[in-house]
Amino acid sequence: MEQVVNKRPDLLRTLSRERLEALVLERTESDEGFALWLDARFAVLVADEASTLLDPVPFRRRAEAVFSSTGSGRHRHSWGERTAGIDEAALEQLIDEAEPFLP
């Protein structure tokens, strides 16, 4: 597995732009979490390149996804609920991505 991961950058470079685009779009259609992540990354890239404000919509959607589900896939009913859990790594990543754009 490690050999495949180490070769991944080279393998990606061999793909045509159209094939890589098709792979990414295929993944967004089957993985909502990836689609939300990709939307947030695009928002960061656009804001960086245009020196504009960050579009908060993709980040809000990702935050809603992080806060709305628990490890069991159920929705949280109260903050004190013992089975309620947040993907802390996903939340931390989201904050790290948005932090440069916070006042």
PDB file of N, CA and C in Angstrom:
ATOM      1  N   MET A   1       0.827  -1.203   0.000  1.00  0.00           N
ATOM      2  CA  MET A   1       0.000   0.000   0.000  1.00  0.00           C
ATOM      3  C   MET A   1       0.863   1.257   0.000  1.00  0.00           C
ATOM      4  N   GLU A   2       1.941   1.234   0.799  1.00  0.00           N
ATOM      5  CA  GLU A   2       2.811   2.399   0.896  1.00  0.00           C
ATOM      6  C   GLU A   2       3.443   2.720  -0.455  1.00  0.00           C
ATOM      7  N   GLN A   3       3.783   1.681  -1.235  1.00  0.00           N
ATOM      8  CA  GLN A   3       4.375   1.899  -2.554  1.00  0.00           C
ATOM      9  C   GLN A   3       3.405   2.635  -3.476  1.00  0.00           C
ATOM     10  N   VAL A   4       2.114   2.278  -3.395  1.00  0.00           N
ATOM     11  CA  VAL A   4       1.106   2.938  -4.220  1.00  0.00           C
ATOM     12  C   VAL A   4       0.978   4.403  -3.825  1.00  0.00           C
ATOM     13  N   VAL A   5       0.946   4.679  -2.517  1.00  0.00           N
ATOM     14  CA  VAL A   5       0.841   6.058  -2.034  1.00  0.00           C
ATOM     15  C   VAL A   5       2.037   6.875  -2.494  1.00  0.00           C
ATOM     16  N   ASN A   6       3.236   6.293  -2.426  1.00  0.00           N
ATOM     17  CA  ASN A   6       4.441   7.006  -2.846  1.00  0.00           C
ATOM     18  C   ASN A   6       4.442   7.299  -4.342  1.00  0.00           C
ATOM     19  N   LYS A   7       3.786   6.454  -5.128  1.00  0.00           N
ATOM     20  CA  LYS A   7       3.740   6.638  -6.575  1.00  0.00           C
ATOM     21  C   LYS A   7       2.562   7.502  -7.026  1.00  0.00           C
ATOM     22  N   ARG A   8       1.659   7.809  -6.119  1.00  0.00           N
ATOM     23  CA  ARG A   8       0.446   8.533  -6.491  1.00  0.00           C
ATOM     24  C   ARG A   8       0.725   9.846  -7.226  1.00  0.00           C
ATOM     25  N   PRO A   9       1.644  10.693  -6.765  1.00  0.00           N
ATOM     26  CA  PRO A   9       1.895  11.933  -7.512  1.00  0.00           C
ATOM     27  C   PRO A   9       2.321  11.667  -8.955  1.00  0.00           C
ATOM     28  N   ASP A  10       3.175  10.680  -9.167  1.00  0.00           N
ATOM     29  CA  ASP A  10       3.605  10.355 -10.527  1.00  0.00           C
ATOM     30  C   ASP A  10       2.441   9.829 -11.356  1.00  0.00           C
ATOM     31  N   LEU A  11       1.618   9.003 -10.750  1.00  0.00           N
ATOM     32  CA  LEU A  11       0.464   8.466 -11.468  1.00  0.00           C
ATOM     33  C   LEU A  11      -0.509   9.577 -11.858  1.00  0.00           C
ATOM     34  N   LEU A  12      -0.720  10.523 -10.960  1.00  0.00           N
ATOM     35  CA  LEU A  12      -1.614  11.641 -11.264  1.00  0.00           C
ATOM     36  C   LEU A  12      -1.080  12.481 -12.429  1.00  0.00           C
ATOM     37  N   ARG A  13       0.233  12.654 -12.491  1.00  0.00           N
ATOM     38  CA  ARG A  13       0.824  13.445 -13.572  1.00  0.00           C
ATOM     39  C   ARG A  13       0.638  12.779 -14.936  1.00  0.00           C
ATOM     40  N   THR A  14       0.491  11.461 -14.964  1.00  0.00           N
ATOM     41  CA  THR A  14       0.336  10.766 -16.240  1.00  0.00           C
ATOM     42  C   THR A  14      -1.087  10.877 -16.792  1.00  0.00           C
ATOM     43  N   LEU A  15      -2.039  11.240 -15.947  1.00  0.00           N
ATOM     44  CA  LEU A  15      -3.422  11.356 -16.410  1.00  0.00           C
ATOM     45  C   LEU A  15      -3.631  12.630 -17.207  1.00  0.00           C
ATOM     46  N   SER A  16      -4.481  12.539 -18.195  1.00  0.00           N
ATOM     47  CA  SER A  16      -4.859  13.753 -18.914  1.00  0.00           C
ATOM     48  C   SER A  16      -5.728  14.605 -17.991  1.00  0.00           C
ATOM     49  N   ARG A  17      -5.805  15.864 -18.300  1.00  0.00           N
ATOM     50  CA  ARG A  17      -6.652  16.766 -17.510  1.00  0.00           C
ATOM     51  C   ARG A  17      -8.103  16.282 -17.508  1.00  0.00           C
ATOM     52  N   GLU A  18      -8.571  15.830 -18.674  1.00  0.00           N
ATOM     53  CA  GLU A  18      -9.955  15.375 -18.800  1.00  0.00           C
ATOM     54  C   GLU A  18     -10.209  14.145 -17.932  1.00  0.00           C
ATOM     55  N   ARG A  19      -9.258  13.210 -17.907  1.00  0.00           N
ATOM     56  CA  ARG A  19      -9.429  11.989 -17.099  1.00  0.00           C
ATOM     57  C   ARG A  19      -9.401  12.322 -15.610  1.00  0.00           C
ATOM     58  N   LEU A  20      -8.493  13.200 -15.209  1.00  0.00           N
ATOM     59  CA  LEU A  20      -8.425  13.606 -13.808  1.00  0.00           C
ATOM     60  C   LEU A  20      -9.711  14.323 -13.397  1.00  0.00           C
ATOM     61  N   GLU A  21     -10.208  15.183 -14.261  1.00  0.00           N
ATOM     62  CA  GLU A  21     -11.471  15.876 -13.990  1.00  0.00           C
ATOM     63  C   GLU A  21     -12.608  14.872 -13.831  1.00  0.00           C
ATOM     64  N   ALA A  22     -12.647  13.867 -14.700  1.00  0.00           N
ATOM     65  CA  ALA A  22     -13.693  12.844 -14.621  1.00  0.00           C
ATOM     66  C   ALA A  22     -13.603  12.071 -13.309  1.00  0.00           C
ATOM     67  N   LEU A  23     -12.388  11.750 -12.873  1.00  0.00           N
ATOM     68  CA  LEU A  23     -12.214  11.029 -11.604  1.00  0.00           C
ATOM     69  C   LEU A  23     -12.706  11.860 -10.416  1.00  0.00           C
ATOM     70  N   VAL A  24     -12.363  13.144 -10.419  1.00  0.00           N
ATOM     71  CA  VAL A  24     -12.778  14.020  -9.320  1.00  0.00           C
ATOM     72  C   VAL A  24     -14.295  14.172  -9.305  1.00  0.00           C
ATOM     73  N   LEU A  25     -14.870  14.402 -10.473  1.00  0.00           N
ATOM     74  CA  LEU A  25     -16.328  14.559 -10.539  1.00  0.00           C
ATOM     75  C   LEU A  25     -17.046  13.273 -10.146  1.00  0.00           C
ATOM     76  N   GLU A  26     -16.502  12.141 -10.536  1.00  0.00           N
ATOM     77  CA  GLU A  26     -17.085  10.854 -10.145  1.00  0.00           C
ATOM     78  C   GLU A  26     -17.096  10.716  -8.626  1.00  0.00           C
ATOM     79  N   ARG A  27     -15.999  11.108  -8.011  1.00  0.00           N
ATOM     80  CA  ARG A  27     -15.905  11.009  -6.552  1.00  0.00           C
ATOM     81  C   ARG A  27     -16.876  11.970  -5.858  1.00  0.00           C
ATOM     82  N   THR A  28     -17.050  13.176  -6.402  1.00  0.00           N
ATOM     83  CA  THR A  28     -17.964  14.134  -5.781  1.00  0.00           C
ATOM     84  C   THR A  28     -19.402  13.640  -5.834  1.00  0.00           C
ATOM     85  N   GLU A  29     -19.735  12.884  -6.867  1.00  0.00           N
ATOM     86  CA  GLU A  29     -21.097  12.362  -6.996  1.00  0.00           C
ATOM     87  C   GLU A  29     -21.384  11.253  -5.999  1.00  0.00           C
ATOM     88  N   SER A  30     -20.352  10.559  -5.542  1.00  0.00           N
ATOM     89  CA  SER A  30     -20.575   9.431  -4.645  1.00  0.00           C
ATOM     90  C   SER A  30     -20.166   9.697  -3.200  1.00  0.00           C
ATOM     91  N   ASP A  31     -19.535  10.842  -2.936  1.00  0.00           N
ATOM     92  CA  ASP A  31     -19.014  11.118  -1.596  1.00  0.00           C
ATOM     93  C   ASP A  31     -19.306  12.573  -1.231  1.00  0.00           C
ATOM     94  N   GLU A  32     -20.382  12.788  -0.477  1.00  0.00           N
ATOM     95  CA  GLU A  32     -20.781  14.146  -0.122  1.00  0.00           C
ATOM     96  C   GLU A  32     -19.708  14.861   0.692  1.00  0.00           C
ATOM     97  N   GLY A  33     -19.033  14.133   1.576  1.00  0.00           N
ATOM     98  CA  GLY A  33     -17.970  14.737   2.373  1.00  0.00           C
ATOM     99  C   GLY A  33     -16.843  15.267   1.505  1.00  0.00           C
ATOM    100  N   PHE A  34     -16.471  14.498   0.488  1.00  0.00           N
ATOM    101  CA  PHE A  34     -15.437  14.943  -0.442  1.00  0.00           C
ATOM    102  C   PHE A  34     -15.913  16.156  -1.219  1.00  0.00           C
ATOM    103  N   ALA A  35     -17.172  16.135  -1.658  1.00  0.00           N
ATOM    104  CA  ALA A  35     -17.726  17.265  -2.409  1.00  0.00           C
ATOM    105  C   ALA A  35     -17.702  18.538  -1.561  1.00  0.00           C
ATOM    106  N   LEU A  36     -18.071  18.426  -0.281  1.00  0.00           N
ATOM    107  CA  LEU A  36     -18.042  19.588   0.608  1.00  0.00           C
ATOM    108  C   LEU A  36     -16.613  20.083   0.807  1.00  0.00           C
ATOM    109  N   TRP A  37     -15.687  19.149   0.984  1.00  0.00           N
ATOM    110  CA  TRP A  37     -14.274  19.512   1.141  1.00  0.00           C
ATOM    111  C   TRP A  37     -13.782  20.229  -0.107  1.00  0.00           C
ATOM    112  N   LEU A  38     -14.109  19.695  -1.276  1.00  0.00           N
ATOM    113  CA  LEU A  38     -13.662  20.284  -2.535  1.00  0.00           C
ATOM    114  C   LEU A  38     -14.232  21.690  -2.717  1.00  0.00           C
ATOM    115  N   ASP A  39     -15.500  21.876  -2.397  1.00  0.00           N
ATOM    116  CA  ASP A  39     -16.113  23.211  -2.494  1.00  0.00           C
ATOM    117  C   ASP A  39     -15.385  24.215  -1.600  1.00  0.00           C
ATOM    118  N   ALA A  40     -15.040  23.793  -0.390  1.00  0.00           N
ATOM    119  CA  ALA A  40     -14.332  24.681   0.537  1.00  0.00           C
ATOM    120  C   ALA A  40     -12.932  24.993   0.015  1.00  0.00           C
ATOM    121  N   ARG A  41     -12.254  23.998  -0.529  1.00  0.00           N
ATOM    122  CA  ARG A  41     -10.917  24.227  -1.091  1.00  0.00           C
ATOM    123  C   ARG A  41     -10.984  25.206  -2.264  1.00  0.00           C
ATOM    124  N   PHE A  42     -12.001  25.051  -3.118  1.00  0.00           N
ATOM    125  CA  PHE A  42     -12.165  25.983  -4.238  1.00  0.00           C
ATOM    126  C   PHE A  42     -12.407  27.398  -3.722  1.00  0.00           C
ATOM    127  N   ALA A  43     -13.200  27.527  -2.677  1.00  0.00           N
ATOM    128  CA  ALA A  43     -13.468  28.853  -2.112  1.00  0.00           C
ATOM    129  C   ALA A  43     -12.174  29.496  -1.629  1.00  0.00           C
ATOM    130  N   VAL A  44     -11.301  28.722  -1.006  1.00  0.00           N
ATOM    131  CA  VAL A  44     -10.015  29.241  -0.536  1.00  0.00           C
ATOM    132  C   VAL A  44      -9.147  29.656  -1.719  1.00  0.00           C
ATOM    133  N   LEU A  45      -9.079  28.803  -2.741  1.00  0.00           N
ATOM    134  CA  LEU A  45      -8.244  29.111  -3.903  1.00  0.00           C
ATOM    135  C   LEU A  45      -8.716  30.373  -4.629  1.00  0.00           C
ATOM    136  N   VAL A  46     -10.019  30.504  -4.788  1.00  0.00           N
ATOM    137  CA  VAL A  46     -10.568  31.688  -5.464  1.00  0.00           C
ATOM    138  C   VAL A  46     -10.261  32.941  -4.654  1.00  0.00           C
ATOM    139  N   ALA A  47     -10.455  32.859  -3.340  1.00  0.00           N
ATOM    140  CA  ALA A  47     -10.182  34.019  -2.485  1.00  0.00           C
ATOM    141  C   ALA A  47      -8.700  34.377  -2.516  1.00  0.00           C
ATOM    142  N   ASP A  48      -7.834  33.380  -2.487  1.00  0.00           N
ATOM    143  CA  ASP A  48      -6.391  33.639  -2.540  1.00  0.00           C
ATOM    144  C   ASP A  48      -5.994  34.306  -3.851  1.00  0.00           C
ATOM    145  N   GLU A  49      -6.456  33.744  -4.953  1.00  0.00           N
ATOM    146  CA  GLU A  49      -6.053  34.243  -6.264  1.00  0.00           C
ATOM    147  C   GLU A  49      -6.629  35.620  -6.564  1.00  0.00           C
ATOM    148  N   ALA A  50      -7.823  35.883  -6.112  1.00  0.00           N
ATOM    149  CA  ALA A  50      -8.472  37.160  -6.419  1.00  0.00           C
ATOM    150  C   ALA A  50      -8.285  38.197  -5.308  1.00  0.00           C
ATOM    151  N   SER A  51      -7.622  37.805  -4.221  1.00  0.00           N
ATOM    152  CA  SER A  51      -7.460  38.694  -3.064  1.00  0.00           C
ATOM    153  C   SER A  51      -8.805  39.258  -2.632  1.00  0.00           C
ATOM    154  N   THR A  52      -9.793  38.374  -2.558  1.00  0.00           N
ATOM    155  CA  THR A  52     -11.139  38.773  -2.148  1.00  0.00           C
ATOM    156  C   THR A  52     -11.499  38.067  -0.855  1.00  0.00           C
ATOM    157  N   LEU A  53     -12.670  38.410  -0.362  1.00  0.00           N
ATOM    158  CA  LEU A  53     -13.172  37.754   0.835  1.00  0.00           C
ATOM    159  C   LEU A  53     -13.523  36.304   0.539  1.00  0.00           C
ATOM    160  N   LEU A  54     -13.397  35.479   1.520  1.00  0.00           N
ATOM    161  CA  LEU A  54     -13.719  34.065   1.401  1.00  0.00           C
ATOM    162  C   LEU A  54     -15.230  33.880   1.348  1.00  0.00           C
ATOM    163  N   ASP A  55     -15.684  33.073   0.412  1.00  0.00           N
ATOM    164  CA  ASP A  55     -17.105  32.739   0.328  1.00  0.00           C
ATOM    165  C   ASP A  55     -17.430  31.812   1.502  1.00  0.00           C
ATOM    166  N   PRO A  56     -18.280  32.224   2.436  1.00  0.00           N
ATOM    167  CA  PRO A  56     -18.534  31.413   3.623  1.00  0.00           C
ATOM    168  C   PRO A  56     -19.459  30.220   3.389  1.00  0.00           C
ATOM    169  N   VAL A  57     -20.168  30.184   2.274  1.00  0.00           N
ATOM    170  CA  VAL A  57     -21.169  29.135   2.050  1.00  0.00           C
ATOM    171  C   VAL A  57     -20.574  27.732   2.095  1.00  0.00           C
ATOM    172  N   PRO A  58     -19.471  27.435   1.377  1.00  0.00           N
ATOM    173  CA  PRO A  58     -18.932  26.077   1.450  1.00  0.00           C
ATOM    174  C   PRO A  58     -18.483  25.685   2.859  1.00  0.00           C
ATOM    175  N   PHE A  59     -17.951  26.651   3.603  1.00  0.00           N
ATOM    176  CA  PHE A  59     -17.514  26.356   4.967  1.00  0.00           C
ATOM    177  C   PHE A  59     -18.702  26.126   5.892  1.00  0.00           C
ATOM    178  N   ARG A  60     -19.766  26.904   5.696  1.00  0.00           N
ATOM    179  CA  ARG A  60     -20.975  26.697   6.498  1.00  0.00           C
ATOM    180  C   ARG A  60     -21.546  25.305   6.237  1.00  0.00           C
ATOM    181  N   ARG A  61     -21.579  24.904   4.970  1.00  0.00           N
ATOM    182  CA  ARG A  61     -22.115  23.584   4.636  1.00  0.00           C
ATOM    183  C   ARG A  61     -21.270  22.469   5.258  1.00  0.00           C
ATOM    184  N   ARG A  62     -19.945  22.634   5.230  1.00  0.00           N
ATOM    185  CA  ARG A  62     -19.081  21.615   5.857  1.00  0.00           C
ATOM    186  C   ARG A  62     -19.269  21.606   7.366  1.00  0.00           C
ATOM    187  N   ALA A  63     -19.378  22.787   7.974  1.00  0.00           N
ATOM    188  CA  ALA A  63     -19.581  22.848   9.426  1.00  0.00           C
ATOM    189  C   ALA A  63     -20.917  22.205   9.801  1.00  0.00           C
ATOM    190  N   GLU A  64     -21.954  22.468   9.028  1.00  0.00           N
ATOM    191  CA  GLU A  64     -23.257  21.852   9.290  1.00  0.00           C
ATOM    192  C   GLU A  64     -23.157  20.333   9.208  1.00  0.00           C
ATOM    193  N   ALA A  65     -22.401  19.835   8.239  1.00  0.00           N
ATOM    194  CA  ALA A  65     -22.238  18.387   8.100  1.00  0.00           C
ATOM    195  C   ALA A  65     -21.487  17.805   9.295  1.00  0.00           C
ATOM    196  N   VAL A  66     -20.458  18.506   9.768  1.00  0.00           N
ATOM    197  CA  VAL A  66     -19.685  18.034  10.918  1.00  0.00           C
ATOM    198  C   VAL A  66     -20.547  18.016  12.175  1.00  0.00           C
ATOM    199  N   PHE A  67     -21.330  19.070  12.388  1.00  0.00           N
ATOM    200  CA  PHE A  67     -22.121  19.181  13.608  1.00  0.00           C
ATOM    201  C   PHE A  67     -23.427  18.394  13.572  1.00  0.00           C
ATOM    202  N   SER A  68     -23.913  18.044  12.391  1.00  0.00           N
ATOM    203  CA  SER A  68     -25.229  17.411  12.321  1.00  0.00           C
ATOM    204  C   SER A  68     -25.211  15.918  12.537  1.00  0.00           C
ATOM    205  N   SER A  69     -24.065  15.291  12.406  1.00  0.00           N
ATOM    206  CA  SER A  69     -24.056  13.836  12.546  1.00  0.00           C
ATOM    207  C   SER A  69     -23.144  13.403  13.676  1.00  0.00           C
ATOM    208  N   THR A  70     -23.423  12.231  14.186  1.00  0.00           N
ATOM    209  CA  THR A  70     -22.610  11.625  15.228  1.00  0.00           C
ATOM    210  C   THR A  70     -21.933  10.418  14.628  1.00  0.00           C
ATOM    211  N   GLY A  71     -21.099   9.785  15.414  1.00  0.00           N
ATOM    212  CA  GLY A  71     -20.419   8.589  14.946  1.00  0.00           C
ATOM    213  C   GLY A  71     -21.380   7.492  14.539  1.00  0.00           C
ATOM    214  N   SER A  72     -22.559   7.471  15.115  1.00  0.00           N
ATOM    215  CA  SER A  72     -23.521   6.423  14.791  1.00  0.00           C
ATOM    216  C   SER A  72     -24.370   6.782  13.582  1.00  0.00           C
ATOM    217  N   GLY A  73     -24.185   7.984  13.052  1.00  0.00           N
ATOM    218  CA  GLY A  73     -24.968   8.411  11.900  1.00  0.00           C
ATOM    219  C   GLY A  73     -26.285   9.064  12.285  1.00  0.00           C
ATOM    220  N   ARG A  74     -26.602   9.101  13.594  1.00  0.00           N
ATOM    221  CA  ARG A  74     -27.826   9.762  14.034  1.00  0.00           C
ATOM    222  C   ARG A  74     -27.577  11.245  14.195  1.00  0.00           C
ATOM    223  N   HIS A  75     -28.632  12.018  14.174  1.00  0.00           N
ATOM    224  CA  HIS A  75     -28.506  13.444  14.433  1.00  0.00           C
ATOM    225  C   HIS A  75     -28.495  13.684  15.931  1.00  0.00           C
ATOM    226  N   ARG A  76     -27.751  14.681  16.330  1.00  0.00           N
ATOM    227  CA  ARG A  76     -27.645  15.051  17.740  1.00  0.00           C
ATOM    228  C   ARG A  76     -28.982  15.629  18.207  1.00  0.00           C
ATOM    229  N   HIS A  77     -29.391  15.229  19.419  1.00  0.00           N
ATOM    230  CA  HIS A  77     -30.620  15.764  19.996  1.00  0.00           C
ATOM    231  C   HIS A  77     -30.323  16.812  21.055  1.00  0.00           C
ATOM    232  N   SER A  78     -29.197  16.683  21.725  1.00  0.00           N
ATOM    233  CA  SER A  78     -28.802  17.679  22.708  1.00  0.00           C
ATOM    234  C   SER A  78     -27.290  17.635  22.883  1.00  0.00           C
ATOM    235  N   TRP A  79     -26.723  18.732  23.358  1.00  0.00           N
ATOM    236  CA  TRP A  79     -25.274  18.792  23.542  1.00  0.00           C
ATOM    237  C   TRP A  79     -24.799  17.807  24.591  1.00  0.00           C
ATOM    238  N   GLY A  80     -25.642  17.489  25.567  1.00  0.00           N
ATOM    239  CA  GLY A  80     -25.243  16.594  26.636  1.00  0.00           C
ATOM    240  C   GLY A  80     -25.391  15.120  26.294  1.00  0.00           C
ATOM    241  N   GLU A  81     -25.898  14.821  25.140  1.00  0.00           N
ATOM    242  CA  GLU A  81     -26.124  13.437  24.748  1.00  0.00           C
ATOM    243  C   GLU A  81     -24.796  12.679  24.697  1.00  0.00           C
ATOM    244  N   ARG A  82     -24.704  11.593  25.443  1.00  0.00           N
ATOM    245  CA  ARG A  82     -23.451  10.853  25.549  1.00  0.00           C
ATOM    246  C   ARG A  82     -22.988  10.270  24.220  1.00  0.00           C
ATOM    247  N   THR A  83     -23.913   9.848  23.384  1.00  0.00           N
ATOM    248  CA  THR A  83     -23.526   9.234  22.122  1.00  0.00           C
ATOM    249  C   THR A  83     -23.240  10.269  21.047  1.00  0.00           C
ATOM    250  N   ALA A  84     -23.496  11.533  21.353  1.00  0.00           N
ATOM    251  CA  ALA A  84     -23.224  12.575  20.369  1.00  0.00           C
ATOM    252  C   ALA A  84     -21.714  12.740  20.251  1.00  0.00           C
ATOM    253  N   GLY A  85     -21.218  12.733  19.052  1.00  0.00           N
ATOM    254  CA  GLY A  85     -19.799  12.890  18.825  1.00  0.00           C
ATOM    255  C   GLY A  85     -19.556  13.732  17.601  1.00  0.00           C
ATOM    256  N   ILE A  86     -18.493  14.465  17.633  1.00  0.00           N
ATOM    257  CA  ILE A  86     -18.122  15.313  16.507  1.00  0.00           C
ATOM    258  C   ILE A  86     -16.788  14.813  15.995  1.00  0.00           C
ATOM    259  N   ASP A  87     -16.634  14.799  14.708  1.00  0.00           N
ATOM    260  CA  ASP A  87     -15.358  14.452  14.099  1.00  0.00           C
ATOM    261  C   ASP A  87     -14.425  15.630  14.345  1.00  0.00           C
ATOM    262  N   GLU A  88     -13.677  15.542  15.451  1.00  0.00           N
ATOM    263  CA  GLU A  88     -12.835  16.665  15.853  1.00  0.00           C
ATOM    264  C   GLU A  88     -11.754  16.961  14.831  1.00  0.00           C
ATOM    265  N   ALA A  89     -11.235  15.945  14.176  1.00  0.00           N
ATOM    266  CA  ALA A  89     -10.205  16.168  13.163  1.00  0.00           C
ATOM    267  C   ALA A  89     -10.777  16.949  11.981  1.00  0.00           C
ATOM    268  N   ALA A  90     -11.988  16.609  11.565  1.00  0.00           N
ATOM    269  CA  ALA A  90     -12.630  17.318  10.455  1.00  0.00           C
ATOM    270  C   ALA A  90     -12.918  18.761  10.843  1.00  0.00           C
ATOM    271  N   LEU A  91     -13.362  18.972  12.077  1.00  0.00           N
ATOM    272  CA  LEU A  91     -13.635  20.328  12.544  1.00  0.00           C
ATOM    273  C   LEU A  91     -12.349  21.150  12.615  1.00  0.00           C
ATOM    274  N   GLU A  92     -11.298  20.545  13.129  1.00  0.00           N
ATOM    275  CA  GLU A  92     -10.014  21.239  13.222  1.00  0.00           C
ATOM    276  C   GLU A  92      -9.483  21.596  11.828  1.00  0.00           C
ATOM    277  N   GLN A  93      -9.629  20.689  10.876  1.00  0.00           N
ATOM    278  CA  GLN A  93      -9.197  20.960   9.509  1.00  0.00           C
ATOM    279  C   GLN A  93      -9.993  22.120   8.909  1.00  0.00           C
ATOM    280  N   LEU A  94     -11.282  22.119   9.152  1.00  0.00           N
ATOM    281  CA  LEU A  94     -12.142  23.190   8.645  1.00  0.00           C
ATOM    282  C   LEU A  94     -11.723  24.547   9.217  1.00  0.00           C
ATOM    283  N   ILE A  95     -11.465  24.586  10.499  1.00  0.00           N
ATOM    284  CA  ILE A  95     -11.030  25.826  11.151  1.00  0.00           C
ATOM    285  C   ILE A  95      -9.685  26.271  10.593  1.00  0.00           C
ATOM    286  N   ASP A  96      -8.755  25.328  10.431  1.00  0.00           N
ATOM    287  CA  ASP A  96      -7.435  25.665   9.897  1.00  0.00           C
ATOM    288  C   ASP A  96      -7.531  26.256   8.495  1.00  0.00           C
ATOM    289  N   GLU A  97      -8.434  25.722   7.686  1.00  0.00           N
ATOM    290  CA  GLU A  97      -8.585  26.221   6.318  1.00  0.00           C
ATOM    291  C   GLU A  97      -9.194  27.625   6.289  1.00  0.00           C
ATOM    292  N   ALA A  98     -10.117  27.895   7.200  1.00  0.00           N
ATOM    293  CA  ALA A  98     -10.805  29.187   7.193  1.00  0.00           C
ATOM    294  C   ALA A  98     -10.046  30.262   7.988  1.00  0.00           C
ATOM    295  N   GLU A  99      -9.208  29.843   8.912  1.00  0.00           N
ATOM    296  CA  GLU A  99      -8.567  30.784   9.833  1.00  0.00           C
ATOM    297  C   GLU A  99      -7.823  31.939   9.146  1.00  0.00           C
ATOM    298  N   PRO A 100      -7.095  31.704   8.049  1.00  0.00           N
ATOM    299  CA  PRO A 100      -6.408  32.851   7.441  1.00  0.00           C
ATOM    300  C   PRO A 100      -7.345  33.952   6.951  1.00  0.00           C
ATOM    301  N   PHE A 101      -8.617  33.628   6.795  1.00  0.00           N
ATOM    302  CA  PHE A 101      -9.563  34.593   6.268  1.00  0.00           C
ATOM    303  C   PHE A 101     -10.421  35.238   7.353  1.00  0.00           C
ATOM    304  N   LEU A 102     -10.197  34.838   8.608  1.00  0.00           N
ATOM    305  CA  LEU A 102     -10.957  35.414   9.704  1.00  0.00           C
ATOM    306  C   LEU A 102     -10.342  36.749  10.115  1.00  0.00           C
ATOM    307  N   PRO A 103     -11.185  37.701  10.499  1.00  0.00           N
ATOM    308  CA  PRO A 103     -10.651  39.018  10.887  1.00  0.00           C
ATOM    309  C   PRO A 103      -9.905  38.957  12.194  1.00  0.00           C
TER     310      PRO A 103
END
